[in-house]
Amino acid sequence: MKLAVIGSTGLVGSQLVALAESQGHVVTGISKESGVDLLAGTGLKDALDGVESIVNVVQSPNLEQQDSTEFFTTVAATLGRAAAGAGVRRTVVLSIIGVDRVAAAESDTGTGFDGYYAAKYAQEQATREHTPGAQVVRSAQFHDIARQMIGWGRAGDTTTVPDLLIQPLAVAAMVAVLLDVASGARGGDLVEVAGPRTEHLAAMSTAFARHQGDAVQVVVGPIGDAVSGGILLPGPDAVLVGPTFDEWLAAQTRP
């Protein structure tokens, strides 16, 4: 199969390219570095020549709702026009579990990223509207969010981390499911993928800091009722893949 990966140099995209190539697929990587303008569409049609499936894992320039929404929906429309012209049969977009519920909420759900979640939901809708053979893969947060949250909330010797209830997974495990959907090995217009068990984000960040020898104090930030009630957790039909967070953490290199 010839596969195009939109956002091929990022965390997810680079692992997806490597896995697809290891399985014998022909991969076209599309990113800023490849010279394709995803907003204007310059060079996109040629890049999609002969491509059967597209996987869109591109990240927005920032997490602000207005900027992200404009970026995601414009890329979806531009990609759709080029994909239709190139005869692409399937378009898979990576999203996040719970974006539909966050977007529909009448008040702040307490995720800390409500605007970005709403933008990702808009991306799903635009993908379904504009691209051929649209399929959505909603993923839980990655294990590495434990490290990211320490940096995002850090102020000196303390960091504030919202105690979100999530069911995190390893990037590599999610990428394997993503490739199955892109290749047609796994069907469904909407596929959820998550880790094997629920975790509290603040506890994850604390464990990560201790594993790395970081003495930072993790302060539990406020969360909303929706988050503590499981708005970010997968549904009963989700694909659950290991390893657990503890298993993943044990394999991380210490500084």
C-alpha atoms as a PDB file:
ATOM      1  CA  MET A   1       0.000   0.000   0.000  1.00  0.00           C
ATOM      2  CA  LYS A   2       1.143   3.540  -0.691  1.00  0.00           C
ATOM      3  CA  LEU A   3       0.515   5.686   2.353  1.00  0.00           C
ATOM      4  CA  ALA A   4       0.865   9.435   2.923  1.00  0.00           C
ATOM      5  CA  VAL A   5       1.544  10.675   6.443  1.00  0.00           C
ATOM      6  CA  ILE A   6       0.615  14.300   7.072  1.00  0.00           C
ATOM      7  CA  GLY A   7       2.878  15.546   9.846  1.00  0.00           C
ATOM      8  CA  SER A   8       5.480  12.871   9.215  1.00  0.00           C
ATOM      9  CA  THR A   9       8.302  14.412  11.242  1.00  0.00           C
ATOM     10  CA  GLY A  10       6.443  14.756  14.559  1.00  0.00           C
ATOM     11  CA  LEU A  11       6.339  12.376  17.513  1.00  0.00           C
ATOM     12  CA  VAL A  12       3.511  10.256  16.106  1.00  0.00           C
ATOM     13  CA  GLY A  13       4.248  10.766  12.425  1.00  0.00           C
ATOM     14  CA  SER A  14       7.870   9.661  12.592  1.00  0.00           C
ATOM     15  CA  GLN A  15       6.950   6.450  14.430  1.00  0.00           C
ATOM     16  CA  LEU A  16       4.108   5.778  11.997  1.00  0.00           C
ATOM     17  CA  VAL A  17       6.441   6.179   9.011  1.00  0.00           C
ATOM     18  CA  ALA A  18       8.987   3.794  10.539  1.00  0.00           C
ATOM     19  CA  LEU A  19       6.376   1.143  11.382  1.00  0.00           C
ATOM     20  CA  ALA A  20       4.677   1.347   7.970  1.00  0.00           C
ATOM     21  CA  GLU A  21       7.969   1.012   6.121  1.00  0.00           C
ATOM     22  CA  SER A  22       8.998  -1.933   8.304  1.00  0.00           C
ATOM     23  CA  GLN A  23       5.801  -3.681   7.185  1.00  0.00           C
ATOM     24  CA  GLY A  24       6.577  -3.102   3.521  1.00  0.00           C
ATOM     25  CA  HIS A  25       4.329  -0.116   2.813  1.00  0.00           C
ATOM     26  CA  VAL A  26       5.506   2.713   0.578  1.00  0.00           C
ATOM     27  CA  VAL A  27       5.320   5.948   2.576  1.00  0.00           C
ATOM     28  CA  THR A  28       5.232   9.558   1.433  1.00  0.00           C
ATOM     29  CA  GLY A  29       6.064  11.887   4.289  1.00  0.00           C
ATOM     30  CA  ILE A  30       4.368  15.274   4.104  1.00  0.00           C
ATOM     31  CA  SER A  31       5.464  18.081   6.402  1.00  0.00           C
ATOM     32  CA  LYS A  32       6.843  21.604   6.351  1.00  0.00           C
ATOM     33  CA  GLU A  33      10.253  20.102   5.710  1.00  0.00           C
ATOM     34  CA  SER A  34       8.995  18.327   2.564  1.00  0.00           C
ATOM     35  CA  GLY A  35       8.062  21.640   0.959  1.00  0.00           C
ATOM     36  CA  VAL A  36       4.287  21.101   0.936  1.00  0.00           C
ATOM     37  CA  ASP A  37       2.074  23.967   2.082  1.00  0.00           C
ATOM     38  CA  LEU A  38      -0.842  22.308   3.875  1.00  0.00           C
ATOM     39  CA  LEU A  39      -2.846  25.514   4.146  1.00  0.00           C
ATOM     40  CA  ALA A  40      -2.513  26.703   0.554  1.00  0.00           C
ATOM     41  CA  GLY A  41      -2.189  23.209  -0.903  1.00  0.00           C
ATOM     42  CA  THR A  42       0.977  23.986  -2.852  1.00  0.00           C
ATOM     43  CA  GLY A  43       2.665  20.733  -3.871  1.00  0.00           C
ATOM     44  CA  LEU A  44       0.020  18.592  -2.183  1.00  0.00           C
ATOM     45  CA  LYS A  45      -1.594  17.045  -5.247  1.00  0.00           C
ATOM     46  CA  ASP A  46       1.748  15.863  -6.625  1.00  0.00           C
ATOM     47  CA  ALA A  47       2.717  14.465  -3.220  1.00  0.00           C
ATOM     48  CA  LEU A  48      -0.472  12.379  -3.189  1.00  0.00           C
ATOM     49  CA  ASP A  49       0.071  10.807  -6.593  1.00  0.00           C
ATOM     50  CA  GLY A  50      -0.653   7.076  -6.322  1.00  0.00           C
ATOM     51  CA  VAL A  51      -1.479   7.287  -2.612  1.00  0.00           C
ATOM     52  CA  GLU A  52      -4.239   4.955  -1.404  1.00  0.00           C
ATOM     53  CA  SER A  53      -4.541   6.108   2.223  1.00  0.00           C
ATOM     54  CA  ILE A  54      -3.740   9.324   4.065  1.00  0.00           C
ATOM     55  CA  VAL A  55      -3.093   9.539   7.798  1.00  0.00           C
ATOM     56  CA  ASN A  56      -3.321  13.061   9.193  1.00  0.00           C
ATOM     57  CA  VAL A  57      -1.388  13.454  12.450  1.00  0.00           C
ATOM     58  CA  VAL A  58      -0.283  17.055  11.919  1.00  0.00           C
ATOM     59  CA  GLN A  59      -0.158  19.329  14.963  1.00  0.00           C
ATOM     60  CA  SER A  60      -1.443  22.895  15.061  1.00  0.00           C
ATOM     61  CA  PRO A  61       1.012  25.767  15.614  1.00  0.00           C
ATOM     62  CA  ASN A  62      -0.371  26.336  19.138  1.00  0.00           C
ATOM     63  CA  LEU A  63      -3.126  25.157  21.492  1.00  0.00           C
ATOM     64  CA  GLU A  64      -5.363  28.245  21.281  1.00  0.00           C
ATOM     65  CA  GLN A  65      -8.888  27.392  20.157  1.00  0.00           C
ATOM     66  CA  GLN A  66      -9.280  29.973  17.379  1.00  0.00           C
ATOM     67  CA  ASP A  67      -5.847  29.397  15.845  1.00  0.00           C
ATOM     68  CA  SER A  68      -6.092  25.616  16.105  1.00  0.00           C
ATOM     69  CA  THR A  69      -9.607  25.465  14.699  1.00  0.00           C
ATOM     70  CA  GLU A  70      -8.681  27.621  11.712  1.00  0.00           C
ATOM     71  CA  PHE A  71      -5.567  25.560  11.049  1.00  0.00           C
ATOM     72  CA  PHE A  72      -7.199  22.137  11.387  1.00  0.00           C
ATOM     73  CA  THR A  73     -10.299  22.923   9.323  1.00  0.00           C
ATOM     74  CA  THR A  74      -8.353  24.687   6.566  1.00  0.00           C
ATOM     75  CA  VAL A  75      -5.933  21.770   6.268  1.00  0.00           C
ATOM     76  CA  ALA A  76      -8.837  19.295   6.149  1.00  0.00           C
ATOM     77  CA  ALA A  77     -10.529  21.203   3.319  1.00  0.00           C
ATOM     78  CA  THR A  78      -7.285  21.645   1.364  1.00  0.00           C
ATOM     79  CA  LEU A  79      -6.340  18.011   1.893  1.00  0.00           C
ATOM     80  CA  GLY A  80      -9.777  16.885   0.806  1.00  0.00           C
ATOM     81  CA  ARG A  81      -9.608  18.702  -2.524  1.00  0.00           C
ATOM     82  CA  ALA A  82      -6.160  17.307  -3.293  1.00  0.00           C
ATOM     83  CA  ALA A  83      -7.066  13.795  -2.127  1.00  0.00           C
ATOM     84  CA  ALA A  84     -10.188  13.669  -4.280  1.00  0.00           C
ATOM     85  CA  GLY A  85      -8.181  14.802  -7.296  1.00  0.00           C
ATOM     86  CA  ALA A  86      -5.508  12.174  -6.656  1.00  0.00           C
ATOM     87  CA  GLY A  87      -7.985   9.306  -6.232  1.00  0.00           C
ATOM     88  CA  VAL A  88      -7.211   8.659  -2.553  1.00  0.00           C
ATOM     89  CA  ARG A  89      -9.615   6.097  -1.077  1.00  0.00           C
ATOM     90  CA  ARG A  90      -9.170   6.519   2.681  1.00  0.00           C
ATOM     91  CA  THR A  91      -8.354   9.436   5.010  1.00  0.00           C
ATOM     92  CA  VAL A  92      -7.607   8.743   8.676  1.00  0.00           C
ATOM     93  CA  VAL A  93      -7.330  11.593  11.172  1.00  0.00           C
ATOM     94  CA  LEU A  94      -5.919  11.246  14.674  1.00  0.00           C
ATOM     95  CA  SER A  95      -8.029  12.857  17.395  1.00  0.00           C
ATOM     96  CA  ILE A  96      -8.488  12.620  21.169  1.00  0.00           C
ATOM     97  CA  ILE A  97     -10.967  10.655  23.281  1.00  0.00           C
ATOM     98  CA  GLY A  98     -13.603  12.941  24.758  1.00  0.00           C
ATOM     99  CA  VAL A  99     -13.390  15.812  22.254  1.00  0.00           C
ATOM    100  CA  ASP A 100     -17.066  15.455  21.375  1.00  0.00           C
ATOM    101  CA  ARG A 101     -18.114  15.616  25.023  1.00  0.00           C
ATOM    102  CA  VAL A 102     -15.841  18.565  25.798  1.00  0.00           C
ATOM    103  CA  ALA A 103     -17.053  20.465  22.723  1.00  0.00           C
ATOM    104  CA  ALA A 104     -20.691  19.880  23.700  1.00  0.00           C
ATOM    105  CA  ALA A 105     -20.237  20.967  27.329  1.00  0.00           C
ATOM    106  CA  GLU A 106     -22.009  24.172  28.311  1.00  0.00           C
ATOM    107  CA  SER A 107     -19.267  25.181  30.758  1.00  0.00           C
ATOM    108  CA  ASP A 108     -15.553  24.595  31.374  1.00  0.00           C
ATOM    109  CA  THR A 109     -15.000  20.872  31.904  1.00  0.00           C
ATOM    110  CA  GLY A 110     -11.734  21.389  33.790  1.00  0.00           C
ATOM    111  CA  THR A 111      -9.356  19.702  31.345  1.00  0.00           C
ATOM    112  CA  GLY A 112      -7.256  22.853  31.074  1.00  0.00           C
ATOM    113  CA  PHE A 113      -7.371  22.431  27.294  1.00  0.00           C
ATOM    114  CA  ASP A 114     -11.076  22.759  26.488  1.00  0.00           C
ATOM    115  CA  GLY A 115     -10.420  25.125  23.574  1.00  0.00           C
ATOM    116  CA  TYR A 116      -7.966  22.763  21.941  1.00  0.00           C
ATOM    117  CA  TYR A 117     -10.314  19.807  22.406  1.00  0.00           C
ATOM    118  CA  ALA A 118     -13.053  21.799  20.673  1.00  0.00           C
ATOM    119  CA  ALA A 119     -10.635  22.523  17.822  1.00  0.00           C
ATOM    120  CA  LYS A 120      -9.855  18.813  17.446  1.00  0.00           C
ATOM    121  CA  TYR A 121     -13.575  18.055  17.288  1.00  0.00           C
ATOM    122  CA  ALA A 122     -13.928  20.661  14.547  1.00  0.00           C
ATOM    123  CA  GLN A 123     -11.088  18.893  12.736  1.00  0.00           C
ATOM    124  CA  GLU A 124     -13.004  15.614  12.898  1.00  0.00           C
ATOM    125  CA  GLN A 125     -16.094  17.238  11.422  1.00  0.00           C
ATOM    126  CA  ALA A 126     -14.131  18.964   8.662  1.00  0.00           C
ATOM    127  CA  THR A 127     -12.365  15.713   7.803  1.00  0.00           C
ATOM    128  CA  ARG A 128     -15.679  13.899   7.451  1.00  0.00           C
ATOM    129  CA  GLU A 129     -17.075  16.743   5.349  1.00  0.00           C
ATOM    130  CA  HIS A 130     -14.192  17.213   2.944  1.00  0.00           C
ATOM    131  CA  THR A 131     -12.006  14.112   2.653  1.00  0.00           C
ATOM    132  CA  PRO A 132     -12.660  10.790   0.887  1.00  0.00           C
ATOM    133  CA  GLY A 133     -13.250   7.687   3.011  1.00  0.00           C
ATOM    134  CA  ALA A 134     -12.930   9.573   6.299  1.00  0.00           C
ATOM    135  CA  GLN A 135     -12.168   7.585   9.457  1.00  0.00           C
ATOM    136  CA  VAL A 136     -11.414   8.986  12.928  1.00  0.00           C
ATOM    137  CA  VAL A 137      -9.082   7.414  15.463  1.00  0.00           C
ATOM    138  CA  ARG A 138      -9.524   8.916  18.922  1.00  0.00           C
ATOM    139  CA  SER A 139      -6.622   8.207  21.228  1.00  0.00           C
ATOM    140  CA  ALA A 140      -6.211   8.576  24.960  1.00  0.00           C
ATOM    141  CA  GLN A 141      -3.317  10.703  26.210  1.00  0.00           C
ATOM    142  CA  PHE A 142       0.183   9.297  25.840  1.00  0.00           C
ATOM    143  CA  HIS A 143       2.237   8.172  28.837  1.00  0.00           C
ATOM    144  CA  ASP A 144       4.676  10.996  28.096  1.00  0.00           C
ATOM    145  CA  ILE A 145       2.070  13.551  29.197  1.00  0.00           C
ATOM    146  CA  ALA A 146       3.397  12.936  32.724  1.00  0.00           C
ATOM    147  CA  ARG A 147       6.692  14.580  31.710  1.00  0.00           C
ATOM    148  CA  GLN A 148       5.075  17.319  29.630  1.00  0.00           C
ATOM    149  CA  MET A 149       2.789  18.463  32.435  1.00  0.00           C
ATOM    150  CA  ILE A 150       5.733  18.920  34.787  1.00  0.00           C
ATOM    151  CA  GLY A 151       7.272  21.402  32.371  1.00  0.00           C
ATOM    152  CA  TRP A 152       4.043  23.188  31.493  1.00  0.00           C
ATOM    153  CA  GLY A 153       3.088  23.887  35.120  1.00  0.00           C
ATOM    154  CA  ARG A 154       6.539  24.396  36.587  1.00  0.00           C
ATOM    155  CA  ALA A 155       7.483  27.429  38.673  1.00  0.00           C
ATOM    156  CA  GLY A 156      10.806  26.889  40.399  1.00  0.00           C
ATOM    157  CA  ASP A 157      10.713  23.879  42.687  1.00  0.00           C
ATOM    158  CA  THR A 158       6.990  23.215  42.252  1.00  0.00           C
ATOM    159  CA  THR A 159       4.711  22.331  39.377  1.00  0.00           C
ATOM    160  CA  THR A 160       0.936  22.349  39.209  1.00  0.00           C
ATOM    161  CA  VAL A 161      -0.651  19.379  37.460  1.00  0.00           C
ATOM    162  CA  PRO A 162      -4.408  18.898  37.090  1.00  0.00           C
ATOM    163  CA  ASP A 163      -5.421  15.507  38.448  1.00  0.00           C
ATOM    164  CA  LEU A 164      -7.162  14.378  35.288  1.00  0.00           C
ATOM    165  CA  LEU A 165      -8.561  10.857  35.229  1.00  0.00           C
ATOM    166  CA  ILE A 166      -7.231   9.318  32.012  1.00  0.00           C
ATOM    167  CA  GLN A 167      -6.386   5.925  30.507  1.00  0.00           C
ATOM    168  CA  PRO A 168      -2.997   6.609  28.903  1.00  0.00           C
ATOM    169  CA  LEU A 169      -1.067   4.501  26.419  1.00  0.00           C
ATOM    170  CA  ALA A 170       2.295   4.275  24.713  1.00  0.00           C
ATOM    171  CA  VAL A 171       2.756   6.112  21.413  1.00  0.00           C
ATOM    172  CA  ALA A 172       4.072   2.975  19.713  1.00  0.00           C
ATOM    173  CA  ALA A 173       0.992   0.979  20.714  1.00  0.00           C
ATOM    174  CA  MET A 174      -1.349   3.665  19.395  1.00  0.00           C
ATOM    175  CA  VAL A 175       0.605   3.943  16.140  1.00  0.00           C
ATOM    176  CA  ALA A 176       0.134   0.217  15.495  1.00  0.00           C
ATOM    177  CA  VAL A 177      -3.646   0.637  15.744  1.00  0.00           C
ATOM    178  CA  LEU A 178      -3.501   3.753  13.574  1.00  0.00           C
ATOM    179  CA  LEU A 179      -1.687   1.823  10.844  1.00  0.00           C
ATOM    180  CA  ASP A 180      -4.221  -1.016  11.042  1.00  0.00           C
ATOM    181  CA  VAL A 181      -7.006   1.490  10.347  1.00  0.00           C
ATOM    182  CA  ALA A 182      -5.074   3.149   7.520  1.00  0.00           C
ATOM    183  CA  SER A 183      -4.332  -0.186   5.847  1.00  0.00           C
ATOM    184  CA  GLY A 184      -7.907  -1.433   6.165  1.00  0.00           C
ATOM    185  CA  ALA A 185      -6.992  -4.198   8.603  1.00  0.00           C
ATOM    186  CA  ARG A 186      -9.239  -2.568  11.210  1.00  0.00           C
ATOM    187  CA  GLY A 187     -12.553  -1.073  10.144  1.00  0.00           C
ATOM    188  CA  GLY A 188     -14.964   1.453  11.599  1.00  0.00           C
ATOM    189  CA  ASP A 189     -15.712   5.113  11.035  1.00  0.00           C
ATOM    190  CA  LEU A 190     -14.671   5.835  14.631  1.00  0.00           C
ATOM    191  CA  VAL A 191     -12.079   3.856  16.584  1.00  0.00           C
ATOM    192  CA  GLU A 192     -11.051   4.608  20.159  1.00  0.00           C
ATOM    193  CA  VAL A 193      -7.708   3.407  21.488  1.00  0.00           C
ATOM    194  CA  ALA A 194      -6.478   3.622  25.081  1.00  0.00           C
ATOM    195  CA  GLY A 195      -4.195   1.981  27.613  1.00  0.00           C
ATOM    196  CA  PRO A 196      -5.020  -0.977  29.825  1.00  0.00           C
ATOM    197  CA  ARG A 197      -5.964   0.943  32.994  1.00  0.00           C
ATOM    198  CA  THR A 198      -6.983   4.335  34.349  1.00  0.00           C
ATOM    199  CA  GLU A 199      -4.473   6.684  35.962  1.00  0.00           C
ATOM    200  CA  HIS A 200      -4.501  10.034  37.759  1.00  0.00           C
ATOM    201  CA  LEU A 201      -2.324  12.511  35.902  1.00  0.00           C
ATOM    202  CA  ALA A 202      -0.854  14.223  38.968  1.00  0.00           C
ATOM    203  CA  ALA A 203       0.233  10.846  40.354  1.00  0.00           C
ATOM    204  CA  MET A 204       1.792  10.006  36.989  1.00  0.00           C
ATOM    205  CA  SER A 205       3.801  13.235  36.996  1.00  0.00           C
ATOM    206  CA  THR A 206       4.940  12.615  40.566  1.00  0.00           C
ATOM    207  CA  ALA A 207       6.106   9.106  39.677  1.00  0.00           C
ATOM    208  CA  PHE A 208       7.894  10.367  36.567  1.00  0.00           C
ATOM    209  CA  ALA A 209       9.723  13.074  38.518  1.00  0.00           C
ATOM    210  CA  ARG A 210      10.907  10.611  41.140  1.00  0.00           C
ATOM    211  CA  HIS A 211      12.036   8.145  38.483  1.00  0.00           C
ATOM    212  CA  GLN A 212      14.117  10.883  36.868  1.00  0.00           C
ATOM    213  CA  GLY A 213      15.582  12.066  40.168  1.00  0.00           C
ATOM    214  CA  ASP A 214      13.731  15.361  39.937  1.00  0.00           C
ATOM    215  CA  ALA A 215      12.866  16.763  43.379  1.00  0.00           C
ATOM    216  CA  VAL A 216      10.098  19.003  42.010  1.00  0.00           C
ATOM    217  CA  GLN A 217       6.965  19.075  44.175  1.00  0.00           C
ATOM    218  CA  VAL A 218       3.832  18.233  42.216  1.00  0.00           C
ATOM    219  CA  VAL A 219       0.869  20.316  43.369  1.00  0.00           C
ATOM    220  CA  VAL A 220      -2.527  18.943  42.397  1.00  0.00           C
ATOM    221  CA  GLY A 221      -4.411  21.528  40.371  1.00  0.00           C
ATOM    222  CA  PRO A 222      -8.178  22.021  40.433  1.00  0.00           C
ATOM    223  CA  ILE A 223     -10.332  19.947  38.107  1.00  0.00           C
ATOM    224  CA  GLY A 224     -13.971  20.040  37.114  1.00  0.00           C
ATOM    225  CA  ASP A 225     -16.681  17.510  37.872  1.00  0.00           C
ATOM    226  CA  ALA A 226     -16.757  16.406  34.238  1.00  0.00           C
ATOM    227  CA  VAL A 227     -13.090  15.416  34.331  1.00  0.00           C
ATOM    228  CA  SER A 228     -13.322  13.572  37.630  1.00  0.00           C
ATOM    229  CA  GLY A 229     -16.435  11.871  36.265  1.00  0.00           C
ATOM    230  CA  GLY A 230     -14.500  10.313  33.396  1.00  0.00           C
ATOM    231  CA  ILE A 231     -15.187  12.607  30.430  1.00  0.00           C
ATOM    232  CA  LEU A 232     -11.744  11.700  29.021  1.00  0.00           C
ATOM    233  CA  LEU A 233     -12.104   7.938  29.427  1.00  0.00           C
ATOM    234  CA  PRO A 234     -12.748   5.535  26.522  1.00  0.00           C
ATOM    235  CA  GLY A 235     -16.029   3.835  25.802  1.00  0.00           C
ATOM    236  CA  PRO A 236     -16.739   0.105  26.189  1.00  0.00           C
ATOM    237  CA  ASP A 237     -15.767  -0.701  22.591  1.00  0.00           C
ATOM    238  CA  ALA A 238     -12.326   0.909  22.742  1.00  0.00           C
ATOM    239  CA  VAL A 239      -9.204  -0.973  21.682  1.00  0.00           C
ATOM    240  CA  LEU A 240      -7.048  -1.367  24.805  1.00  0.00           C
ATOM    241  CA  VAL A 241      -3.304  -1.801  24.325  1.00  0.00           C
ATOM    242  CA  GLY A 242      -0.332  -2.082  26.698  1.00  0.00           C
ATOM    243  CA  PRO A 243       2.016  -1.407  28.293  1.00  0.00           C
ATOM    244  CA  THR A 244       0.723   0.105  31.525  1.00  0.00           C
ATOM    245  CA  PHE A 245       2.168   3.430  32.679  1.00  0.00           C
ATOM    246  CA  ASP A 246       4.265   1.685  35.351  1.00  0.00           C
ATOM    247  CA  GLU A 247       5.718  -0.692  32.765  1.00  0.00           C
ATOM    248  CA  TRP A 248       6.445   2.177  30.392  1.00  0.00           C
ATOM    249  CA  LEU A 249       8.045   4.250  33.158  1.00  0.00           C
ATOM    250  CA  ALA A 250      10.323   1.405  34.220  1.00  0.00           C
ATOM    251  CA  ALA A 251      11.705   1.272  30.683  1.00  0.00           C
ATOM    252  CA  GLN A 252      12.549   5.005  30.544  1.00  0.00           C
ATOM    253  CA  THR A 253      16.203   5.992  30.651  1.00  0.00           C
ATOM    254  CA  ARG A 254      17.250   7.763  33.821  1.00  0.00           C
ATOM    255  CA  PRO A 255      19.395  10.914  33.441  1.00  0.00           C
END
